[in-house]
PDB file of N, CA and C in Angstrom:
ATOM      1  N   UNK A   1      63.261-197.761  30.657  1.00  0.00           N
ATOM      2  CA  UNK A   1      63.674-196.289  29.858  1.00  0.00           C
ATOM      3  C   UNK A   1      65.117-196.708  29.631  1.00  0.00           C
ATOM      4  N   UNK A   2      66.042-197.544  30.510  1.00  0.00           N
ATOM      5  CA  UNK A   2      67.222-197.612  30.329  1.00  0.00           C
ATOM      6  C   UNK A   2      67.527-198.690  29.049  1.00  0.00           C
ATOM      7  N   UNK A   3      66.393-199.602  29.103  1.00  0.00           N
ATOM      8  CA  UNK A   3      66.732-200.533  28.232  1.00  0.00           C
ATOM      9  C   UNK A   3      66.581-200.079  26.569  1.00  0.00           C
ATOM     10  N   UNK A   4      66.091-198.841  26.595  1.00  0.00           N
ATOM     11  CA  UNK A   4      65.951-198.456  25.236  1.00  0.00           C
ATOM     12  C   UNK A   4      67.035-197.619  24.859  1.00  0.00           C
ATOM     13  N   UNK A   5      68.201-197.227  25.723  1.00  0.00           N
ATOM     14  CA  UNK A   5      69.257-196.843  25.441  1.00  0.00           C
ATOM     15  C   UNK A   5      70.399-197.911  24.792  1.00  0.00           C
ATOM     16  N   UNK A   6      70.086-198.928  25.245  1.00  0.00           N
ATOM     17  CA  UNK A   6      71.019-200.022  24.571  1.00  0.00           C
ATOM     18  C   UNK A   6      71.172-200.378  23.339  1.00  0.00           C
ATOM     19  N   UNK A   7      70.051-200.183  22.724  1.00  0.00           N
ATOM     20  CA  UNK A   7      69.998-200.439  21.170  1.00  0.00           C
ATOM     21  C   UNK A   7      69.536-199.623  20.570  1.00  0.00           C
ATOM     22  N   UNK A   8      69.897-199.657  19.079  1.00  0.00           N
ATOM     23  CA  UNK A   8      69.884-198.411  18.210  1.00  0.00           C
ATOM     24  C   UNK A   8      68.212-198.104  17.914  1.00  0.00           C
ATOM     25  N   UNK A   9      67.463-199.173  17.558  1.00  0.00           N
ATOM     26  CA  UNK A   9      66.070-198.836  17.573  1.00  0.00           C
ATOM     27  C   UNK A   9      65.590-198.301  19.103  1.00  0.00           C
ATOM     28  N   UNK A  10      66.074-198.592  20.032  1.00  0.00           N
ATOM     29  CA  UNK A  10      65.599-197.850  21.329  1.00  0.00           C
ATOM     30  C   UNK A  10      65.948-196.677  21.231  1.00  0.00           C
ATOM     31  N   UNK A  11      67.138-196.074  20.966  1.00  0.00           N
ATOM     32  CA  UNK A  11      67.340-194.632  20.701  1.00  0.00           C
ATOM     33  C   UNK A  11      66.645-193.972  19.610  1.00  0.00           C
ATOM     34  N   UNK A  12      66.451-194.681  18.445  1.00  0.00           N
ATOM     35  CA  UNK A  12      65.274-194.144  17.696  1.00  0.00           C
ATOM     36  C   UNK A  12      64.098-193.944  18.265  1.00  0.00           C
ATOM     37  N   UNK A  13      63.493-194.318  19.048  1.00  0.00           N
ATOM     38  CA  UNK A  13      62.359-194.804  19.555  1.00  0.00           C
ATOM     39  C   UNK A  13      62.155-193.415  20.572  1.00  0.00           C
ATOM     40  N   UNK A  14      63.771-193.310  21.346  1.00  0.00           N
ATOM     41  CA  UNK A  14      63.505-191.998  22.261  1.00  0.00           C
ATOM     42  C   UNK A  14      63.518-190.863  21.296  1.00  0.00           C
ATOM     43  N   UNK A  15      64.448-190.946  20.209  1.00  0.00           N
ATOM     44  CA  UNK A  15      64.242-189.928  19.482  1.00  0.00           C
ATOM     45  C   UNK A  15      63.025-189.237  19.088  1.00  0.00           C
ATOM     46  N   UNK A  16      62.327-190.301  18.543  1.00  0.00           N
ATOM     47  CA  UNK A  16      60.779-190.034  18.202  1.00  0.00           C
ATOM     48  C   UNK A  16      59.836-189.336  19.166  1.00  0.00           C
ATOM     49  N   UNK A  17      59.888-189.829  20.477  1.00  0.00           N
ATOM     50  CA  UNK A  17      59.355-189.196  21.437  1.00  0.00           C
ATOM     51  C   UNK A  17      59.790-187.788  21.877  1.00  0.00           C
ATOM     52  N   UNK A  18      61.146-187.601  21.665  1.00  0.00           N
ATOM     53  CA  UNK A  18      61.329-186.251  21.872  1.00  0.00           C
ATOM     54  C   UNK A  18      61.195-185.579  20.923  1.00  0.00           C
ATOM     55  N   UNK A  19      61.227-185.857  19.729  1.00  0.00           N
ATOM     56  CA  UNK A  19      60.686-184.987  18.504  1.00  0.00           C
ATOM     57  C   UNK A  19      59.179-184.747  18.591  1.00  0.00           C
ATOM     58  N   UNK A  20      58.370-185.702  19.025  1.00  0.00           N
ATOM     59  CA  UNK A  20      56.689-185.615  19.287  1.00  0.00           C
ATOM     60  C   UNK A  20      56.721-184.569  20.281  1.00  0.00           C
ATOM     61  N   UNK A  21      57.466-184.516  21.501  1.00  0.00           N
ATOM     62  CA  UNK A  21      57.025-183.925  22.657  1.00  0.00           C
ATOM     63  C   UNK A  21      57.535-182.392  22.393  1.00  0.00           C
ATOM     64  N   UNK A  22      58.554-182.275  21.631  1.00  0.00           N
ATOM     65  CA  UNK A  22      59.393-180.806  21.367  1.00  0.00           C
ATOM     66  C   UNK A  22      58.351-180.005  20.269  1.00  0.00           C
ATOM     67  N   UNK A  23      57.366-181.067  19.611  1.00  0.00           N
ATOM     68  CA  UNK A  23      56.652-180.022  18.533  1.00  0.00           C
ATOM     69  C   UNK A  23      55.227-179.845  19.541  1.00  0.00           C
ATOM     70  N   UNK A  24      54.986-180.523  20.348  1.00  0.00           N
ATOM     71  CA  UNK A  24      54.043-180.315  21.254  1.00  0.00           C
ATOM     72  C   UNK A  24      54.063-179.044  21.931  1.00  0.00           C
ATOM     73  N   UNK A  25      55.398-178.905  22.596  1.00  0.00           N
ATOM     74  CA  UNK A  25      55.525-177.841  23.404  1.00  0.00           C
ATOM     75  C   UNK A  25      55.791-176.427  22.519  1.00  0.00           C
ATOM     76  N   UNK A  26      56.332-176.791  21.535  1.00  0.00           N
ATOM     77  CA  UNK A  26      56.468-175.711  20.470  1.00  0.00           C
ATOM     78  C   UNK A  26      54.778-175.017  20.091  1.00  0.00           C
ATOM     79  N   UNK A  27      53.862-176.049  19.749  1.00  0.00           N
ATOM     80  CA  UNK A  27      52.844-175.727  19.122  1.00  0.00           C
ATOM     81  C   UNK A  27      51.721-175.177  20.334  1.00  0.00           C
ATOM     82  N   UNK A  28      51.868-175.720  21.645  1.00  0.00           N
ATOM     83  CA  UNK A  28      50.917-175.513  22.401  1.00  0.00           C
ATOM     84  C   UNK A  28      51.344-174.686  23.806  1.00  0.00           C
ATOM     85  N   UNK A  29      52.542-174.190  23.532  1.00  0.00           N
ATOM     86  CA  UNK A  29      52.969-173.359  24.534  1.00  0.00           C
ATOM     87  C   UNK A  29      54.010-172.098  24.079  1.00  0.00           C
ATOM     88  N   UNK A  30      55.087-172.425  23.304  1.00  0.00           N
ATOM     89  CA  UNK A  30      55.554-171.444  22.724  1.00  0.00           C
ATOM     90  C   UNK A  30      54.884-170.430  21.783  1.00  0.00           C
ATOM     91  N   UNK A  31      54.402-171.005  21.040  1.00  0.00           N
ATOM     92  CA  UNK A  31      53.646-170.139  19.967  1.00  0.00           C
ATOM     93  C   UNK A  31      52.409-169.428  20.461  1.00  0.00           C
ATOM     94  N   UNK A  32      51.673-169.958  21.814  1.00  0.00           N
ATOM     95  CA  UNK A  32      50.539-169.078  22.192  1.00  0.00           C
ATOM     96  C   UNK A  32      51.400-167.931  23.114  1.00  0.00           C
ATOM     97  N   UNK A  33      52.603-168.391  23.492  1.00  0.00           N
ATOM     98  CA  UNK A  33      53.342-167.194  24.331  1.00  0.00           C
ATOM     99  C   UNK A  33      53.669-166.022  23.265  1.00  0.00           C
ATOM    100  N   UNK A  34      54.161-166.718  22.078  1.00  0.00           N
ATOM    101  CA  UNK A  34      54.378-165.546  20.928  1.00  0.00           C
ATOM    102  C   UNK A  34      53.533-164.240  20.692  1.00  0.00           C
ATOM    103  N   UNK A  35      51.965-165.339  20.391  1.00  0.00           N
ATOM    104  CA  UNK A  35      51.102-164.402  19.689  1.00  0.00           C
ATOM    105  C   UNK A  35      50.143-163.865  21.082  1.00  0.00           C
ATOM    106  N   UNK A  36      49.866-164.427  22.061  1.00  0.00           N
ATOM    107  CA  UNK A  36      49.133-164.081  22.946  1.00  0.00           C
ATOM    108  C   UNK A  36      49.768-163.029  23.946  1.00  0.00           C
ATOM    109  N   UNK A  37      50.715-163.705  24.415  1.00  0.00           N
ATOM    110  CA  UNK A  37      51.391-162.789  25.645  1.00  0.00           C
ATOM    111  C   UNK A  37      52.795-161.992  24.875  1.00  0.00           C
ATOM    112  N   UNK A  38      53.152-161.964  23.383  1.00  0.00           N
ATOM    113  CA  UNK A  38      53.900-161.162  22.828  1.00  0.00           C
ATOM    114  C   UNK A  38      55.118-161.312  23.456  1.00  0.00           C
ATOM    115  N   UNK A  39      55.736-162.742  23.707  1.00  0.00           N
ATOM    116  CA  UNK A  39      56.998-163.445  24.118  1.00  0.00           C
ATOM    117  C   UNK A  39      57.270-163.911  23.199  1.00  0.00           C
ATOM    118  N   UNK A  40      58.101-163.576  22.231  1.00  0.00           N
ATOM    119  CA  UNK A  40      58.718-164.529  21.161  1.00  0.00           C
ATOM    120  C   UNK A  40      59.797-165.386  21.673  1.00  0.00           C
ATOM    121  N   UNK A  41      60.702-164.939  22.781  1.00  0.00           N
ATOM    122  CA  UNK A  41      61.754-165.480  23.166  1.00  0.00           C
ATOM    123  C   UNK A  41      61.644-167.455  23.223  1.00  0.00           C
ATOM    124  N   UNK A  42      60.491-167.737  23.665  1.00  0.00           N
ATOM    125  CA  UNK A  42      60.265-169.289  24.058  1.00  0.00           C
ATOM    126  C   UNK A  42      60.244-169.974  22.614  1.00  0.00           C
ATOM    127  N   UNK A  43      59.536-169.408  21.538  1.00  0.00           N
ATOM    128  CA  UNK A  43      59.636-169.801  20.356  1.00  0.00           C
ATOM    129  C   UNK A  43      61.288-169.941  19.801  1.00  0.00           C
ATOM    130  N   UNK A  44      61.990-168.747  20.051  1.00  0.00           N
ATOM    131  CA  UNK A  44      63.294-168.753  19.474  1.00  0.00           C
ATOM    132  C   UNK A  44      64.129-169.825  20.254  1.00  0.00           C
ATOM    133  N   UNK A  45      63.828-170.442  21.070  1.00  0.00           N
ATOM    134  CA  UNK A  45      64.376-171.370  22.158  1.00  0.00           C
ATOM    135  C   UNK A  45      64.060-172.936  21.604  1.00  0.00           C
ATOM    136  N   UNK A  46      62.587-173.066  21.613  1.00  0.00           N
ATOM    137  CA  UNK A  46      62.130-174.312  21.256  1.00  0.00           C
ATOM    138  C   UNK A  46      62.302-174.313  19.714  1.00  0.00           C
ATOM    139  N   UNK A  47      62.167-173.848  18.661  1.00  0.00           N
ATOM    140  CA  UNK A  47      62.256-174.088  17.444  1.00  0.00           C
ATOM    141  C   UNK A  47      63.525-174.715  17.184  1.00  0.00           C
ATOM    142  N   UNK A  48      64.672-174.072  17.395  1.00  0.00           N
ATOM    143  CA  UNK A  48      65.771-174.723  16.810  1.00  0.00           C
ATOM    144  C   UNK A  48      66.021-176.292  17.665  1.00  0.00           C
ATOM    145  N   UNK A  49      65.487-176.399  18.903  1.00  0.00           N
ATOM    146  CA  UNK A  49      65.546-177.631  19.563  1.00  0.00           C
ATOM    147  C   UNK A  49      64.864-178.782  18.780  1.00  0.00           C
ATOM    148  N   UNK A  50      63.540-177.944  18.567  1.00  0.00           N
ATOM    149  CA  UNK A  50      62.805-179.136  17.701  1.00  0.00           C
ATOM    150  C   UNK A  50      63.278-179.494  16.279  1.00  0.00           C
ATOM    151  N   UNK A  51      63.749-178.485  15.643  1.00  0.00           N
ATOM    152  CA  UNK A  51      64.453-178.585  14.525  1.00  0.00           C
ATOM    153  C   UNK A  51      65.746-179.555  14.520  1.00  0.00           C
ATOM    154  N   UNK A  52      66.635-179.530  15.241  1.00  0.00           N
ATOM    155  CA  UNK A  52      67.829-180.275  15.585  1.00  0.00           C
ATOM    156  C   UNK A  52      67.171-181.898  16.128  1.00  0.00           C
ATOM    157  N   UNK A  53      65.952-182.103  16.978  1.00  0.00           N
ATOM    158  CA  UNK A  53      65.764-183.266  17.208  1.00  0.00           C
ATOM    159  C   UNK A  53      65.017-183.759  15.875  1.00  0.00           C
ATOM    160  N   UNK A  54      64.078-183.034  15.066  1.00  0.00           N
ATOM    161  CA  UNK A  54      63.828-183.377  13.930  1.00  0.00           C
ATOM    162  C   UNK A  54      64.875-183.817  12.828  1.00  0.00           C
ATOM    163  N   UNK A  55      65.772-183.134  12.650  1.00  0.00           N
ATOM    164  CA  UNK A  55      66.830-183.714  11.716  1.00  0.00           C
ATOM    165  C   UNK A  55      67.591-184.964  12.383  1.00  0.00           C
ATOM    166  N   UNK A  56      67.980-185.182  13.603  1.00  0.00           N
ATOM    167  CA  UNK A  56      68.355-186.241  14.272  1.00  0.00           C
ATOM    168  C   UNK A  56      67.616-187.624  13.886  1.00  0.00           C
ATOM    169  N   UNK A  57      65.962-187.446  13.866  1.00  0.00           N
ATOM    170  CA  UNK A  57      65.091-188.337  13.810  1.00  0.00           C
ATOM    171  C   UNK A  57      65.290-188.905  12.378  1.00  0.00           C
ATOM    172  N   UNK A  58      65.500-188.103  11.493  1.00  0.00           N
ATOM    173  CA  UNK A  58      65.444-188.236  10.150  1.00  0.00           C
ATOM    174  C   UNK A  58      66.724-189.165   9.624  1.00  0.00           C
ATOM    175  N   UNK A  59      67.802-188.635  10.249  1.00  0.00           N
ATOM    176  CA  UNK A  59      69.352-189.200   9.888  1.00  0.00           C
ATOM    177  C   UNK A  59      69.267-190.430  10.840  1.00  0.00           C
ATOM    178  N   UNK A  60      68.899-190.448  11.639  1.00  0.00           N
ATOM    179  CA  UNK A  60      68.985-191.788  12.528  1.00  0.00           C
ATOM    180  C   UNK A  60      67.950-193.152  11.686  1.00  0.00           C
ATOM    181  N   UNK A  61      66.715-192.493  11.184  1.00  0.00           N
ATOM    182  CA  UNK A  61      66.122-193.240  10.611  1.00  0.00           C
ATOM    183  C   UNK A  61      66.626-193.827   9.461  1.00  0.00           C
ATOM    184  N   UNK A  62      67.225-192.805   8.737  1.00  0.00           N
ATOM    185  CA  UNK A  62      68.005-193.509   7.411  1.00  0.00           C
ATOM    186  C   UNK A  62      69.211-194.235   7.612  1.00  0.00           C
ATOM    187  N   UNK A  63      69.809-194.021   8.550  1.00  0.00           N
ATOM    188  CA  UNK A  63      71.201-194.858   9.143  1.00  0.00           C
ATOM    189  C   UNK A  63      70.457-196.196   9.551  1.00  0.00           C
ATOM    190  N   UNK A  64      69.429-196.215  10.553  1.00  0.00           N
ATOM    191  CA  UNK A  64      68.796-197.556  10.714  1.00  0.00           C
ATOM    192  C   UNK A  64      68.334-198.585   9.580  1.00  0.00           C
ATOM    193  N   UNK A  65      67.543-197.744   8.633  1.00  0.00           N
ATOM    194  CA  UNK A  65      67.144-198.354   7.571  1.00  0.00           C
ATOM    195  C   UNK A  65      68.313-199.203   6.779  1.00  0.00           C
ATOM    196  N   UNK A  66      69.450-198.550   6.805  1.00  0.00           N
ATOM    197  CA  UNK A  66      70.296-199.103   5.752  1.00  0.00           C
ATOM    198  C   UNK A  66      70.917-200.201   6.703  1.00  0.00           C
ATOM    199  N   UNK A  67      71.206-199.788   7.736  1.00  0.00           N
ATOM    200  CA  UNK A  67      71.897-200.852   8.794  1.00  0.00           C
ATOM    201  C   UNK A  67      70.986-201.998   8.816  1.00  0.00           C
ATOM    202  N   UNK A  68      70.132-201.962   8.817  1.00  0.00           N
ATOM    203  CA  UNK A  68      68.914-203.206   9.367  1.00  0.00           C
ATOM    204  C   UNK A  68      68.556-203.858   8.169  1.00  0.00           C
ATOM    205  N   UNK A  69      68.895-203.066   6.934  1.00  0.00           N
ATOM    206  CA  UNK A  69      68.378-203.565   5.538  1.00  0.00           C
ATOM    207  C   UNK A  69      66.492-203.577   5.778  1.00  0.00           C
ATOM    208  N   UNK A  70      66.364-202.480   6.153  1.00  0.00           N
ATOM    209  CA  UNK A  70      64.789-202.369   6.251  1.00  0.00           C
ATOM    210  C   UNK A  70      64.337-201.903   4.514  1.00  0.00           C
ATOM    211  N   UNK A  71      63.312-202.877   4.070  1.00  0.00           N
ATOM    212  CA  UNK A  71      62.829-202.721   2.801  1.00  0.00           C
ATOM    213  C   UNK A  71      62.131-201.331   2.706  1.00  0.00           C
ATOM    214  N   UNK A  72      62.872-200.346   2.019  1.00  0.00           N
ATOM    215  CA  UNK A  72      62.470-198.981   1.858  1.00  0.00           C
ATOM    216  C   UNK A  72      60.793-198.982   1.554  1.00  0.00           C
ATOM    217  N   UNK A  73      60.283-199.481   0.740  1.00  0.00           N
ATOM    218  CA  UNK A  73      58.804-199.350   0.460  1.00  0.00           C
ATOM    219  C   UNK A  73      57.900-199.854   1.647  1.00  0.00           C
ATOM    220  N   UNK A  74      58.321-201.027   2.595  1.00  0.00           N
ATOM    221  CA  UNK A  74      57.535-201.452   3.619  1.00  0.00           C
ATOM    222  C   UNK A  74      57.978-200.660   5.056  1.00  0.00           C
ATOM    223  N   UNK A  75      59.147-200.340   5.297  1.00  0.00           N
ATOM    224  CA  UNK A  75      59.425-199.596   6.536  1.00  0.00           C
ATOM    225  C   UNK A  75      59.937-198.051   6.668  1.00  0.00           C
ATOM    226  N   UNK A  76      61.164-198.171   5.791  1.00  0.00           N
ATOM    227  CA  UNK A  76      61.536-196.606   5.843  1.00  0.00           C
ATOM    228  C   UNK A  76      60.828-195.363   5.568  1.00  0.00           C
ATOM    229  N   UNK A  77      60.163-195.414   4.470  1.00  0.00           N
ATOM    230  CA  UNK A  77      59.671-194.598   3.731  1.00  0.00           C
ATOM    231  C   UNK A  77      58.380-194.121   4.816  1.00  0.00           C
ATOM    232  N   UNK A  78      57.940-195.136   5.471  1.00  0.00           N
ATOM    233  CA  UNK A  78      56.841-194.562   6.390  1.00  0.00           C
ATOM    234  C   UNK A  78      57.048-194.309   7.691  1.00  0.00           C
ATOM    235  N   UNK A  79      58.467-194.210   8.155  1.00  0.00           N
ATOM    236  CA  UNK A  79      59.120-194.037   9.412  1.00  0.00           C
ATOM    237  C   UNK A  79      59.546-192.272   9.247  1.00  0.00           C
ATOM    238  N   UNK A  80      60.230-192.304   7.857  1.00  0.00           N
ATOM    239  CA  UNK A  80      60.721-190.943   7.101  1.00  0.00           C
ATOM    240  C   UNK A  80      59.368-190.057   7.153  1.00  0.00           C
ATOM    241  N   UNK A  81      58.051-190.598   6.503  1.00  0.00           N
ATOM    242  CA  UNK A  81      56.868-189.546   6.526  1.00  0.00           C
ATOM    243  C   UNK A  81      56.264-189.019   7.596  1.00  0.00           C
ATOM    244  N   UNK A  82      56.468-190.003   8.870  1.00  0.00           N
ATOM    245  CA  UNK A  82      56.102-189.563  10.162  1.00  0.00           C
ATOM    246  C   UNK A  82      56.543-188.508  10.684  1.00  0.00           C
ATOM    247  N   UNK A  83      57.874-188.147  10.419  1.00  0.00           N
ATOM    248  CA  UNK A  83      58.337-187.023  10.951  1.00  0.00           C
ATOM    249  C   UNK A  83      57.876-185.844  10.224  1.00  0.00           C
ATOM    250  N   UNK A  84      57.107-185.969   8.952  1.00  0.00           N
ATOM    251  CA  UNK A  84      56.651-184.991   8.363  1.00  0.00           C
ATOM    252  C   UNK A  84      55.348-184.616   8.769  1.00  0.00           C
ATOM    253  N   UNK A  85      54.359-185.327   9.263  1.00  0.00           N
ATOM    254  CA  UNK A  85      53.182-185.412   9.844  1.00  0.00           C
ATOM    255  C   UNK A  85      53.307-184.816  11.359  1.00  0.00           C
ATOM    256  N   UNK A  86      52.454-183.824  11.674  1.00  0.00           N
ATOM    257  CA  UNK A  86      52.718-183.713  13.030  1.00  0.00           C
ATOM    258  C   UNK A  86      51.812-184.429  13.977  1.00  0.00           C
ATOM    259  N   UNK A  87      52.834-184.857  14.953  1.00  0.00           N
ATOM    260  CA  UNK A  87      52.419-186.195  15.699  1.00  0.00           C
ATOM    261  C   UNK A  87      52.603-187.481  15.116  1.00  0.00           C
ATOM    262  N   UNK A  88      53.134-187.586  13.944  1.00  0.00           N
ATOM    263  CA  UNK A  88      53.338-188.739  13.591  1.00  0.00           C
ATOM    264  C   UNK A  88      54.507-189.942  14.108  1.00  0.00           C
ATOM    265  N   UNK A  89      55.290-189.174  14.555  1.00  0.00           N
ATOM    266  CA  UNK A  89      56.180-190.142  15.619  1.00  0.00           C
ATOM    267  C   UNK A  89      55.757-190.756  16.626  1.00  0.00           C
ATOM    268  N   UNK A  90      54.646-190.530  16.811  1.00  0.00           N
ATOM    269  CA  UNK A  90      53.862-190.971  18.169  1.00  0.00           C
ATOM    270  C   UNK A  90      53.245-192.345  17.681  1.00  0.00           C
ATOM    271  N   UNK A  91      52.679-192.085  16.285  1.00  0.00           N
ATOM    272  CA  UNK A  91      51.957-193.135  15.814  1.00  0.00           C
ATOM    273  C   UNK A  91      52.997-194.253  15.256  1.00  0.00           C
ATOM    274  N   UNK A  92      53.864-193.802  14.595  1.00  0.00           N
ATOM    275  CA  UNK A  92      54.920-194.877  14.098  1.00  0.00           C
ATOM    276  C   UNK A  92      55.746-195.428  15.093  1.00  0.00           C
ATOM    277  N   UNK A  93      56.095-194.793  16.318  1.00  0.00           N
ATOM    278  CA  UNK A  93      56.642-195.530  17.263  1.00  0.00           C
ATOM    279  C   UNK A  93      55.730-196.876  17.712  1.00  0.00           C
ATOM    280  N   UNK A  94      54.535-196.356  17.995  1.00  0.00           N
ATOM    281  CA  UNK A  94      53.119-197.493  18.317  1.00  0.00           C
ATOM    282  C   UNK A  94      53.449-198.465  17.245  1.00  0.00           C
ATOM    283  N   UNK A  95      52.944-198.246  16.059  1.00  0.00           N
ATOM    284  CA  UNK A  95      52.999-199.002  14.979  1.00  0.00           C
ATOM    285  C   UNK A  95      53.889-199.869  14.364  1.00  0.00           C
ATOM    286  N   UNK A  96      55.206-199.254  14.516  1.00  0.00           N
ATOM    287  CA  UNK A  96      56.564-199.960  13.542  1.00  0.00           C
ATOM    288  C   UNK A  96      57.593-199.752  14.659  1.00  0.00           C
ATOM    289  N   UNK A  97      58.081-198.988  15.272  1.00  0.00           N
ATOM    290  CA  UNK A  97      59.311-199.106  16.161  1.00  0.00           C
ATOM    291  C   UNK A  97      58.955-199.934  16.891  1.00  0.00           C
ATOM    292  N   UNK A  98      58.000-200.187  17.872  1.00  0.00           N
ATOM    293  CA  UNK A  98      58.062-200.882  19.044  1.00  0.00           C
ATOM    294  C   UNK A  98      58.048-202.345  18.634  1.00  0.00           C
ATOM    295  N   UNK A  99      57.734-202.643  17.338  1.00  0.00           N
ATOM    296  CA  UNK A  99      57.813-203.965  17.148  1.00  0.00           C
ATOM    297  C   UNK A  99      58.844-204.672  16.263  1.00  0.00           C
ATOM    298  N   UNK A 100      60.144-203.670  16.236  1.00  0.00           N
ATOM    299  CA  UNK A 100      61.072-203.758  15.445  1.00  0.00           C
ATOM    300  C   UNK A 100      62.187-204.483  16.833  1.00  0.00           C
TER     301      UNK A 100
END
């Protein structure tokens, strides 16, 4: 895990995992708390955390694409699209980011 912190690609992979995990927590913990237990406070905490991780992943992907001269049609758009598809960051980490 500490090896991932040493490279920009590794940090992007960590962001991808955190963004995916935050979505899982939001969908399967916070939302049921809100609607079944009438406790919206967890959504009000997890929502902004997930949103921040989402934006960080998006901006870091664009930054990496420019710095490492990724071809937009081959790599960058796929990584960006992944953060808009639920759980896509897990898939893109496995298929693309782990190989860079």
